[in-house]
N, C-alpha and C. Protein backbone atom coordinates (compact mmCIF):
# COMPACT_ATOMS: atom_id res chain seq x y z
N MET A 1 0.84 -1.18 0.00
CA MET A 1 0.00 0.00 0.00
C MET A 1 0.89 1.24 0.00
N PRO A 2 0.75 2.11 -0.98
CA PRO A 2 1.59 3.30 -1.03
C PRO A 2 1.24 4.29 0.07
N ILE A 3 2.25 5.00 0.53
CA ILE A 3 2.06 6.01 1.57
C ILE A 3 1.66 7.32 0.91
N ASP A 4 0.68 8.00 1.50
CA ASP A 4 0.24 9.30 0.99
C ASP A 4 1.16 10.38 1.53
N TYR A 5 1.87 11.07 0.67
CA TYR A 5 2.74 12.16 1.07
C TYR A 5 2.06 13.50 0.92
N GLY A 6 0.79 13.50 0.61
CA GLY A 6 0.07 14.75 0.43
C GLY A 6 0.26 15.29 -0.97
N ASN A 7 -0.48 16.31 -1.32
CA ASN A 7 -0.43 16.88 -2.66
C ASN A 7 0.18 18.27 -2.68
N GLU A 8 0.77 18.70 -1.58
CA GLU A 8 1.27 20.07 -1.51
C GLU A 8 2.49 20.26 -2.40
N LYS A 9 2.47 21.31 -3.17
CA LYS A 9 3.63 21.69 -3.99
C LYS A 9 4.41 22.80 -3.29
N LYS A 10 3.73 23.61 -2.52
CA LYS A 10 4.36 24.70 -1.77
C LYS A 10 3.64 24.81 -0.44
N PRO A 11 4.25 25.49 0.53
CA PRO A 11 3.63 25.58 1.85
C PRO A 11 2.32 26.36 1.83
N THR A 12 1.36 25.89 2.58
CA THR A 12 0.09 26.58 2.76
C THR A 12 0.06 27.12 4.19
N VAL A 13 -0.98 27.86 4.52
CA VAL A 13 -1.11 28.39 5.89
C VAL A 13 -1.15 27.23 6.88
N ARG A 14 -1.88 26.19 6.53
CA ARG A 14 -1.95 25.02 7.42
C ARG A 14 -0.58 24.39 7.62
N SER A 15 0.18 24.25 6.54
CA SER A 15 1.49 23.63 6.69
C SER A 15 2.45 24.54 7.44
N ILE A 16 2.34 25.84 7.28
CA ILE A 16 3.20 26.77 8.02
C ILE A 16 2.90 26.69 9.52
N ILE A 17 1.63 26.65 9.87
CA ILE A 17 1.25 26.50 11.29
C ILE A 17 1.80 25.18 11.83
N SER A 18 1.66 24.12 11.04
CA SER A 18 2.17 22.81 11.44
C SER A 18 3.69 22.84 11.60
N ILE A 19 4.37 23.48 10.67
CA ILE A 19 5.84 23.55 10.73
C ILE A 19 6.29 24.30 11.98
N VAL A 20 5.69 25.43 12.26
CA VAL A 20 6.06 26.21 13.45
C VAL A 20 5.82 25.40 14.72
N ALA A 21 4.66 24.75 14.81
CA ALA A 21 4.36 23.93 15.99
C ALA A 21 5.34 22.77 16.11
N CYS A 22 5.65 22.13 14.99
CA CYS A 22 6.62 21.02 15.01
C CYS A 22 7.99 21.49 15.47
N LEU A 23 8.42 22.64 14.97
CA LEU A 23 9.73 23.16 15.36
C LEU A 23 9.77 23.53 16.84
N LEU A 24 8.73 24.16 17.34
CA LEU A 24 8.70 24.55 18.75
C LEU A 24 8.75 23.33 19.67
N ILE A 25 7.91 22.36 19.37
CA ILE A 25 7.91 21.14 20.20
C ILE A 25 9.20 20.37 19.99
N GLY A 26 9.59 20.18 18.74
CA GLY A 26 10.76 19.38 18.44
C GLY A 26 12.03 19.93 19.06
N LEU A 27 12.26 21.22 18.92
CA LEU A 27 13.47 21.81 19.49
C LEU A 27 13.45 21.76 21.01
N THR A 28 12.27 21.93 21.60
CA THR A 28 12.17 21.82 23.06
C THR A 28 12.53 20.41 23.52
N LEU A 29 11.99 19.39 22.83
CA LEU A 29 12.28 18.01 23.23
C LEU A 29 13.75 17.65 23.02
N ILE A 30 14.33 18.10 21.92
CA ILE A 30 15.75 17.83 21.67
C ILE A 30 16.60 18.50 22.75
N PHE A 31 16.29 19.75 23.05
CA PHE A 31 17.03 20.52 24.05
C PHE A 31 16.90 19.86 25.44
N ALA A 32 15.67 19.53 25.83
CA ALA A 32 15.43 18.94 27.15
C ALA A 32 16.04 17.54 27.25
N GLY A 33 15.82 16.71 26.25
CA GLY A 33 16.38 15.36 26.27
C GLY A 33 17.90 15.38 26.26
N GLY A 34 18.48 16.26 25.45
CA GLY A 34 19.94 16.37 25.40
C GLY A 34 20.51 16.83 26.73
N GLY A 35 19.86 17.77 27.36
CA GLY A 35 20.32 18.25 28.66
C GLY A 35 20.25 17.17 29.73
N LYS A 36 19.21 16.34 29.65
CA LYS A 36 19.09 15.24 30.62
C LYS A 36 20.12 14.15 30.35
N LEU A 37 20.34 13.81 29.08
CA LEU A 37 21.35 12.80 28.76
C LEU A 37 22.75 13.27 29.12
N ALA A 38 23.01 14.55 28.99
CA ALA A 38 24.32 15.10 29.33
C ALA A 38 24.60 15.02 30.82
N ASN A 39 23.57 14.79 31.63
CA ASN A 39 23.76 14.61 33.08
C ASN A 39 24.35 13.24 33.40
N LEU A 40 24.57 12.42 32.38
CA LEU A 40 25.22 11.12 32.51
C LEU A 40 24.60 10.23 33.59
N GLY A 41 23.32 9.96 33.41
CA GLY A 41 22.65 8.99 34.27
C GLY A 41 22.05 9.54 35.54
N GLN A 42 22.18 10.83 35.79
CA GLN A 42 21.56 11.39 36.98
C GLN A 42 20.08 11.60 36.71
N ILE A 43 19.29 11.40 37.75
CA ILE A 43 17.85 11.59 37.60
C ILE A 43 17.39 12.73 38.49
N PRO A 44 16.30 13.40 38.09
CA PRO A 44 15.79 14.49 38.93
C PRO A 44 15.26 13.97 40.26
N GLY A 45 15.17 14.86 41.22
CA GLY A 45 14.77 14.49 42.57
C GLY A 45 13.31 14.15 42.75
N GLN A 46 12.45 14.50 41.80
CA GLN A 46 11.02 14.30 41.99
C GLN A 46 10.55 12.91 41.56
N THR A 47 11.43 11.93 41.54
CA THR A 47 11.05 10.59 41.09
C THR A 47 10.14 9.88 42.08
N GLU A 48 10.05 10.37 43.28
CA GLU A 48 9.13 9.74 44.25
C GLU A 48 7.69 9.80 43.76
N PHE A 49 7.42 10.70 42.84
CA PHE A 49 6.10 10.80 42.23
C PHE A 49 5.69 9.48 41.59
N LEU A 50 6.64 8.78 41.00
CA LEU A 50 6.33 7.51 40.32
C LEU A 50 5.80 6.47 41.30
N TYR A 51 6.29 6.49 42.51
CA TYR A 51 5.85 5.50 43.49
C TYR A 51 4.39 5.69 43.87
N LEU A 52 3.86 6.88 43.63
CA LEU A 52 2.44 7.13 43.88
C LEU A 52 1.57 6.61 42.72
N LEU A 53 2.15 6.57 41.52
CA LEU A 53 1.40 6.15 40.33
C LEU A 53 1.43 4.65 40.08
N ILE A 54 2.57 4.05 40.33
CA ILE A 54 2.76 2.64 40.00
C ILE A 54 2.20 1.79 41.13
N PRO A 55 1.34 0.83 40.79
CA PRO A 55 0.76 -0.04 41.83
C PRO A 55 1.84 -0.81 42.60
N ASP A 56 1.55 -1.08 43.85
CA ASP A 56 2.52 -1.76 44.72
C ASP A 56 2.96 -3.12 44.17
N PHE A 57 2.03 -3.86 43.57
CA PHE A 57 2.40 -5.19 43.08
C PHE A 57 3.40 -5.13 41.92
N LEU A 58 3.45 -4.00 41.22
CA LEU A 58 4.43 -3.84 40.14
C LEU A 58 5.76 -3.28 40.64
N MET A 59 5.72 -2.59 41.76
CA MET A 59 6.91 -1.92 42.26
C MET A 59 7.82 -2.89 43.01
N THR A 60 8.38 -3.82 42.26
CA THR A 60 9.36 -4.75 42.82
C THR A 60 10.70 -4.04 42.87
N PRO A 61 11.64 -4.57 43.63
CA PRO A 61 12.98 -3.95 43.65
C PRO A 61 13.63 -3.90 42.26
N GLU A 62 13.40 -4.92 41.45
CA GLU A 62 13.98 -4.94 40.10
C GLU A 62 13.35 -3.85 39.23
N PHE A 63 12.04 -3.70 39.33
CA PHE A 63 11.35 -2.68 38.53
C PHE A 63 11.79 -1.28 38.97
N ALA A 64 11.88 -1.07 40.27
CA ALA A 64 12.32 0.23 40.79
C ALA A 64 13.74 0.54 40.32
N LEU A 65 14.61 -0.47 40.34
CA LEU A 65 15.98 -0.29 39.88
C LEU A 65 16.01 0.05 38.39
N PHE A 66 15.19 -0.63 37.59
CA PHE A 66 15.10 -0.34 36.16
C PHE A 66 14.64 1.09 35.93
N MET A 67 13.63 1.52 36.66
CA MET A 67 13.11 2.88 36.50
C MET A 67 14.17 3.92 36.82
N VAL A 68 14.90 3.71 37.91
CA VAL A 68 15.85 4.71 38.40
C VAL A 68 17.19 4.65 37.65
N GLU A 69 17.62 3.45 37.27
CA GLU A 69 18.93 3.30 36.65
C GLU A 69 18.91 3.34 35.12
N VAL A 70 17.76 2.99 34.51
CA VAL A 70 17.72 2.88 33.05
C VAL A 70 16.66 3.79 32.44
N PHE A 71 15.40 3.63 32.85
CA PHE A 71 14.31 4.33 32.17
C PHE A 71 14.40 5.84 32.30
N LEU A 72 14.45 6.36 33.52
CA LEU A 72 14.45 7.82 33.72
C LEU A 72 15.71 8.51 33.22
N PRO A 73 16.91 7.97 33.48
CA PRO A 73 18.08 8.72 33.02
C PRO A 73 18.46 8.49 31.56
N TRP A 74 18.06 7.37 30.95
CA TRP A 74 18.53 7.06 29.60
C TRP A 74 17.41 6.93 28.57
N ILE A 75 16.40 6.13 28.85
CA ILE A 75 15.35 5.86 27.85
C ILE A 75 14.47 7.09 27.65
N LEU A 76 13.96 7.67 28.71
CA LEU A 76 13.06 8.82 28.58
C LEU A 76 13.71 9.99 27.83
N PRO A 77 14.93 10.41 28.17
CA PRO A 77 15.55 11.48 27.39
C PRO A 77 15.80 11.09 25.93
N SER A 78 16.15 9.82 25.69
CA SER A 78 16.36 9.37 24.31
C SER A 78 15.07 9.44 23.51
N VAL A 79 13.97 9.07 24.13
CA VAL A 79 12.66 9.16 23.47
C VAL A 79 12.34 10.62 23.16
N GLU A 80 12.62 11.51 24.09
CA GLU A 80 12.40 12.94 23.85
C GLU A 80 13.19 13.41 22.63
N ILE A 81 14.45 13.02 22.54
CA ILE A 81 15.29 13.43 21.42
C ILE A 81 14.78 12.86 20.10
N ILE A 82 14.43 11.59 20.10
CA ILE A 82 13.94 10.95 18.86
C ILE A 82 12.65 11.60 18.38
N LEU A 83 11.69 11.79 19.30
CA LEU A 83 10.44 12.44 18.91
C LEU A 83 10.69 13.87 18.42
N GLY A 84 11.59 14.59 19.12
CA GLY A 84 11.93 15.95 18.71
C GLY A 84 12.55 15.99 17.32
N LEU A 85 13.48 15.09 17.05
CA LEU A 85 14.11 15.04 15.73
C LEU A 85 13.09 14.73 14.63
N LEU A 86 12.21 13.78 14.89
CA LEU A 86 11.20 13.43 13.89
C LEU A 86 10.28 14.62 13.60
N LEU A 87 9.94 15.39 14.63
CA LEU A 87 9.11 16.58 14.40
C LEU A 87 9.87 17.65 13.63
N VAL A 88 11.13 17.88 13.96
CA VAL A 88 11.92 18.89 13.27
C VAL A 88 12.13 18.50 11.80
N ILE A 89 12.41 17.23 11.56
CA ILE A 89 12.60 16.76 10.19
C ILE A 89 11.29 16.80 9.42
N GLY A 90 10.19 16.49 10.09
CA GLY A 90 8.88 16.55 9.45
C GLY A 90 8.32 15.21 9.04
N ILE A 91 8.79 14.14 9.67
CA ILE A 91 8.31 12.80 9.35
C ILE A 91 7.08 12.50 10.21
N TRP A 92 5.97 12.21 9.57
CA TRP A 92 4.70 11.84 10.21
C TRP A 92 4.36 12.76 11.39
N PRO A 93 4.22 14.05 11.18
CA PRO A 93 3.98 14.97 12.29
C PRO A 93 2.75 14.63 13.13
N ARG A 94 1.68 14.20 12.49
CA ARG A 94 0.48 13.88 13.28
C ARG A 94 0.73 12.70 14.22
N LEU A 95 1.33 11.65 13.70
CA LEU A 95 1.62 10.48 14.54
C LEU A 95 2.56 10.85 15.67
N ILE A 96 3.61 11.58 15.36
CA ILE A 96 4.58 11.95 16.39
C ILE A 96 3.94 12.88 17.43
N ALA A 97 3.11 13.82 16.98
CA ALA A 97 2.41 14.70 17.92
C ALA A 97 1.50 13.89 18.83
N LEU A 98 0.89 12.86 18.28
CA LEU A 98 0.04 11.98 19.08
C LEU A 98 0.87 11.25 20.14
N LEU A 99 2.09 10.86 19.79
CA LEU A 99 2.99 10.21 20.75
C LEU A 99 3.54 11.19 21.79
N VAL A 100 3.61 12.46 21.42
CA VAL A 100 4.10 13.48 22.34
C VAL A 100 3.07 13.76 23.44
N LEU A 101 1.79 13.60 23.13
CA LEU A 101 0.74 13.92 24.11
C LEU A 101 0.90 13.18 25.43
N PRO A 102 1.05 11.83 25.46
CA PRO A 102 1.22 11.18 26.77
C PRO A 102 2.52 11.58 27.47
N LEU A 103 3.56 11.86 26.69
CA LEU A 103 4.81 12.31 27.28
C LEU A 103 4.60 13.64 28.01
N VAL A 104 3.96 14.58 27.34
CA VAL A 104 3.70 15.89 27.95
C VAL A 104 2.73 15.76 29.13
N LEU A 105 1.74 14.88 29.00
CA LEU A 105 0.82 14.66 30.13
C LEU A 105 1.57 14.12 31.34
N GLY A 106 2.55 13.27 31.11
CA GLY A 106 3.39 12.78 32.21
C GLY A 106 4.18 13.90 32.85
N PHE A 107 4.72 14.79 32.02
CA PHE A 107 5.45 15.94 32.56
C PHE A 107 4.51 16.84 33.36
N MET A 108 3.28 17.01 32.86
CA MET A 108 2.31 17.85 33.56
C MET A 108 1.92 17.23 34.90
N ALA A 109 1.76 15.91 34.93
CA ALA A 109 1.44 15.23 36.18
C ALA A 109 2.59 15.39 37.17
N ASN A 110 3.81 15.26 36.69
CA ASN A 110 4.97 15.43 37.55
C ASN A 110 5.04 16.85 38.10
N ASN A 111 4.79 17.83 37.24
CA ASN A 111 4.79 19.22 37.71
C ASN A 111 3.67 19.48 38.69
N SER A 112 2.51 18.87 38.47
CA SER A 112 1.40 19.01 39.43
C SER A 112 1.81 18.49 40.80
N TYR A 113 2.49 17.35 40.80
CA TYR A 113 2.96 16.79 42.06
C TYR A 113 3.94 17.74 42.75
N MET A 114 4.90 18.26 41.97
CA MET A 114 5.89 19.17 42.57
C MET A 114 5.22 20.43 43.10
N ILE A 115 4.26 20.97 42.36
CA ILE A 115 3.54 22.17 42.81
C ILE A 115 2.80 21.86 44.11
N SER A 116 2.19 20.68 44.18
CA SER A 116 1.43 20.32 45.39
C SER A 116 2.34 20.13 46.60
N GLN A 117 3.60 19.79 46.38
CA GLN A 117 4.54 19.60 47.48
C GLN A 117 5.16 20.91 47.96
N GLY A 118 5.04 21.95 47.15
CA GLY A 118 5.55 23.26 47.53
C GLY A 118 6.91 23.58 46.93
N LEU A 119 7.14 24.86 46.75
CA LEU A 119 8.40 25.31 46.15
C LEU A 119 9.60 25.14 47.07
N ASP A 120 9.35 24.96 48.36
CA ASP A 120 10.45 24.72 49.29
C ASP A 120 11.10 23.37 48.99
N LYS A 121 10.28 22.38 48.71
CA LYS A 121 10.79 21.04 48.44
C LYS A 121 11.34 20.94 47.02
N TYR A 122 10.65 21.54 46.05
CA TYR A 122 11.06 21.49 44.65
C TYR A 122 11.09 22.90 44.06
N PRO A 123 12.19 23.62 44.24
CA PRO A 123 12.24 24.99 43.73
C PRO A 123 12.36 25.07 42.20
N ASP A 124 12.90 24.02 41.57
CA ASP A 124 12.98 24.01 40.12
C ASP A 124 12.62 22.62 39.59
N CYS A 125 12.32 22.58 38.31
CA CYS A 125 11.81 21.32 37.74
C CYS A 125 12.91 20.41 37.21
N THR A 126 14.10 20.90 37.01
CA THR A 126 15.20 20.16 36.38
C THR A 126 14.78 19.55 35.04
N CYS A 127 13.98 20.28 34.30
CA CYS A 127 13.44 19.80 33.03
C CYS A 127 14.47 19.77 31.91
N PHE A 128 15.48 20.63 31.99
CA PHE A 128 16.43 20.77 30.90
C PHE A 128 17.83 20.31 31.26
N GLY A 129 17.95 19.56 32.34
CA GLY A 129 19.23 18.95 32.69
C GLY A 129 20.36 19.95 32.87
N VAL A 130 21.49 19.67 32.22
CA VAL A 130 22.69 20.49 32.40
C VAL A 130 22.53 21.91 31.87
N TRP A 131 21.60 22.11 30.94
CA TRP A 131 21.42 23.45 30.38
C TRP A 131 20.97 24.45 31.45
N GLU A 132 20.34 23.96 32.50
CA GLU A 132 19.86 24.86 33.55
C GLU A 132 21.01 25.49 34.33
N GLN A 133 22.18 24.85 34.33
CA GLN A 133 23.34 25.44 35.01
C GLN A 133 23.74 26.76 34.36
N TRP A 134 23.59 26.86 33.04
CA TRP A 134 24.01 28.06 32.32
C TRP A 134 22.86 29.01 32.03
N LEU A 135 21.67 28.44 31.79
CA LEU A 135 20.55 29.28 31.36
C LEU A 135 19.54 29.55 32.46
N GLY A 136 19.67 28.86 33.58
CA GLY A 136 18.70 28.99 34.65
C GLY A 136 17.56 28.00 34.46
N GLY A 137 16.91 27.67 35.53
CA GLY A 137 15.84 26.68 35.48
C GLY A 137 14.47 27.30 35.57
N LEU A 138 13.49 26.46 35.38
CA LEU A 138 12.10 26.87 35.51
C LEU A 138 11.55 26.36 36.84
N THR A 139 10.65 27.11 37.42
CA THR A 139 9.93 26.60 38.58
C THR A 139 8.92 25.57 38.08
N PRO A 140 8.40 24.73 38.95
CA PRO A 140 7.38 23.78 38.51
C PRO A 140 6.16 24.45 37.88
N LEU A 141 5.78 25.62 38.38
CA LEU A 141 4.64 26.32 37.80
C LEU A 141 4.96 26.84 36.39
N GLN A 142 6.15 27.42 36.22
CA GLN A 142 6.56 27.86 34.89
C GLN A 142 6.63 26.68 33.92
N SER A 143 7.16 25.58 34.41
CA SER A 143 7.25 24.38 33.59
C SER A 143 5.87 23.85 33.22
N MET A 144 4.93 23.98 34.13
CA MET A 144 3.55 23.55 33.85
C MET A 144 2.97 24.39 32.71
N TYR A 145 3.16 25.69 32.75
CA TYR A 145 2.69 26.55 31.66
C TYR A 145 3.32 26.14 30.34
N TYR A 146 4.61 25.87 30.37
CA TYR A 146 5.33 25.45 29.17
C TYR A 146 4.76 24.13 28.64
N ASP A 147 4.50 23.19 29.55
CA ASP A 147 3.94 21.89 29.14
C ASP A 147 2.53 22.03 28.57
N VAL A 148 1.74 22.91 29.13
CA VAL A 148 0.40 23.15 28.58
C VAL A 148 0.52 23.70 27.16
N ALA A 149 1.47 24.61 26.95
CA ALA A 149 1.69 25.15 25.60
C ALA A 149 2.13 24.04 24.64
N LEU A 150 3.02 23.15 25.08
CA LEU A 150 3.44 22.04 24.23
C LEU A 150 2.27 21.11 23.91
N PHE A 151 1.42 20.88 24.89
CA PHE A 151 0.24 20.04 24.67
C PHE A 151 -0.66 20.66 23.61
N ILE A 152 -0.91 21.96 23.75
CA ILE A 152 -1.77 22.67 22.78
C ILE A 152 -1.15 22.62 21.39
N LEU A 153 0.17 22.83 21.30
CA LEU A 153 0.83 22.77 20.00
C LEU A 153 0.72 21.38 19.37
N ALA A 154 0.84 20.33 20.19
CA ALA A 154 0.71 18.97 19.66
C ALA A 154 -0.71 18.74 19.13
N VAL A 155 -1.72 19.22 19.84
CA VAL A 155 -3.10 19.10 19.37
C VAL A 155 -3.28 19.88 18.07
N ILE A 156 -2.67 21.05 17.98
CA ILE A 156 -2.75 21.85 16.75
C ILE A 156 -2.16 21.07 15.57
N ILE A 157 -1.02 20.42 15.78
CA ILE A 157 -0.42 19.62 14.71
C ILE A 157 -1.38 18.52 14.27
N ILE A 158 -1.99 17.84 15.23
CA ILE A 158 -2.91 16.74 14.90
C ILE A 158 -4.09 17.25 14.09
N ILE A 159 -4.59 18.42 14.44
CA ILE A 159 -5.78 18.96 13.77
C ILE A 159 -5.44 19.65 12.45
N VAL A 160 -4.35 20.42 12.41
CA VAL A 160 -4.10 21.33 11.30
C VAL A 160 -3.21 20.75 10.19
N HIS A 161 -2.32 19.83 10.52
CA HIS A 161 -1.37 19.35 9.52
C HIS A 161 -2.10 18.85 8.27
N PRO A 162 -1.71 19.37 7.09
CA PRO A 162 -2.41 19.00 5.86
C PRO A 162 -2.09 17.57 5.42
N GLY A 163 -3.00 17.00 4.66
CA GLY A 163 -2.80 15.66 4.13
C GLY A 163 -3.36 14.59 5.04
N SER A 164 -3.05 13.36 4.72
CA SER A 164 -3.55 12.23 5.50
C SER A 164 -2.81 12.13 6.83
N PHE A 165 -3.19 11.16 7.64
CA PHE A 165 -2.59 11.00 8.96
C PHE A 165 -1.08 10.77 8.87
N PHE A 166 -0.64 10.05 7.86
CA PHE A 166 0.78 9.74 7.72
C PHE A 166 1.50 10.66 6.71
N ALA A 167 0.89 11.80 6.38
CA ALA A 167 1.53 12.74 5.45
C ALA A 167 2.71 13.41 6.13
N HIS A 168 3.79 13.59 5.38
CA HIS A 168 4.99 14.27 5.87
C HIS A 168 4.85 15.78 5.64
N GLN A 169 5.88 16.50 6.06
CA GLN A 169 5.95 17.92 5.73
C GLN A 169 6.23 18.05 4.23
N PHE A 170 5.91 19.19 3.67
CA PHE A 170 5.97 19.37 2.22
C PHE A 170 7.37 19.17 1.64
N TRP A 171 8.45 19.50 2.39
CA TRP A 171 9.79 19.34 1.83
C TRP A 171 10.14 17.86 1.67
N ILE A 172 9.62 17.02 2.52
CA ILE A 172 9.84 15.58 2.36
C ILE A 172 9.06 15.09 1.14
N ASN A 173 7.87 15.66 0.93
CA ASN A 173 7.10 15.32 -0.27
C ASN A 173 7.91 15.63 -1.52
N LYS A 174 8.60 16.78 -1.54
CA LYS A 174 9.41 17.16 -2.70
C LYS A 174 10.56 16.17 -2.90
N ILE A 175 11.20 15.79 -1.82
CA ILE A 175 12.31 14.82 -1.91
C ILE A 175 11.78 13.49 -2.43
N MET A 176 10.62 13.05 -1.92
CA MET A 176 10.05 11.78 -2.34
C MET A 176 9.64 11.83 -3.82
N SER A 177 9.12 12.96 -4.29
CA SER A 177 8.71 13.06 -5.69
C SER A 177 9.92 13.08 -6.61
N ARG A 178 11.05 13.64 -6.16
CA ARG A 178 12.28 13.61 -6.95
C ARG A 178 12.80 12.18 -7.10
N ASP A 179 12.67 11.39 -6.02
CA ASP A 179 13.15 10.02 -6.08
C ASP A 179 12.33 9.17 -7.03
N LYS A 180 11.05 9.50 -7.19
CA LYS A 180 10.18 8.74 -8.10
C LYS A 180 10.45 9.08 -9.56
N ALA A 181 10.97 10.28 -9.80
CA ALA A 181 11.17 10.73 -11.19
C ALA A 181 12.38 10.10 -11.83
């Protein structure tokens, strides 16, 4: 079954909106994931939040070790970078935006937890890893606003991106049409 790359020959208003949203989300995810990976396996302090979400019968010592030693410091930031790159490149923006939604919802839940615990316990979100040392960090409330904006942008991509569900950005369509010629 052939993949629909859309019929766009040049950017439309819909594709421009989609491109801007993809770039904003994509660059944020690349920046945040890269900053977390550059921390070389360190995890943020608010991981106790996971123990409230994960049922006791699943929270075995092995699972907890996997979460703390592998998933949070390595897999999660890598997923952020991969999703960010795919959005910046323009491959399947709707699908990738759909995958970004649960990620951002998880960040929002984490920020909600930190806000509920108070700024004394969690003065910053450590969302951007090592970059916060040079650029400064966000408070959990500021990070929540940022996450809400990312969520809205992902929904905009899902609704506005032209073409079918698996349509790429228009520049990929041009590359694909050159390969067929």
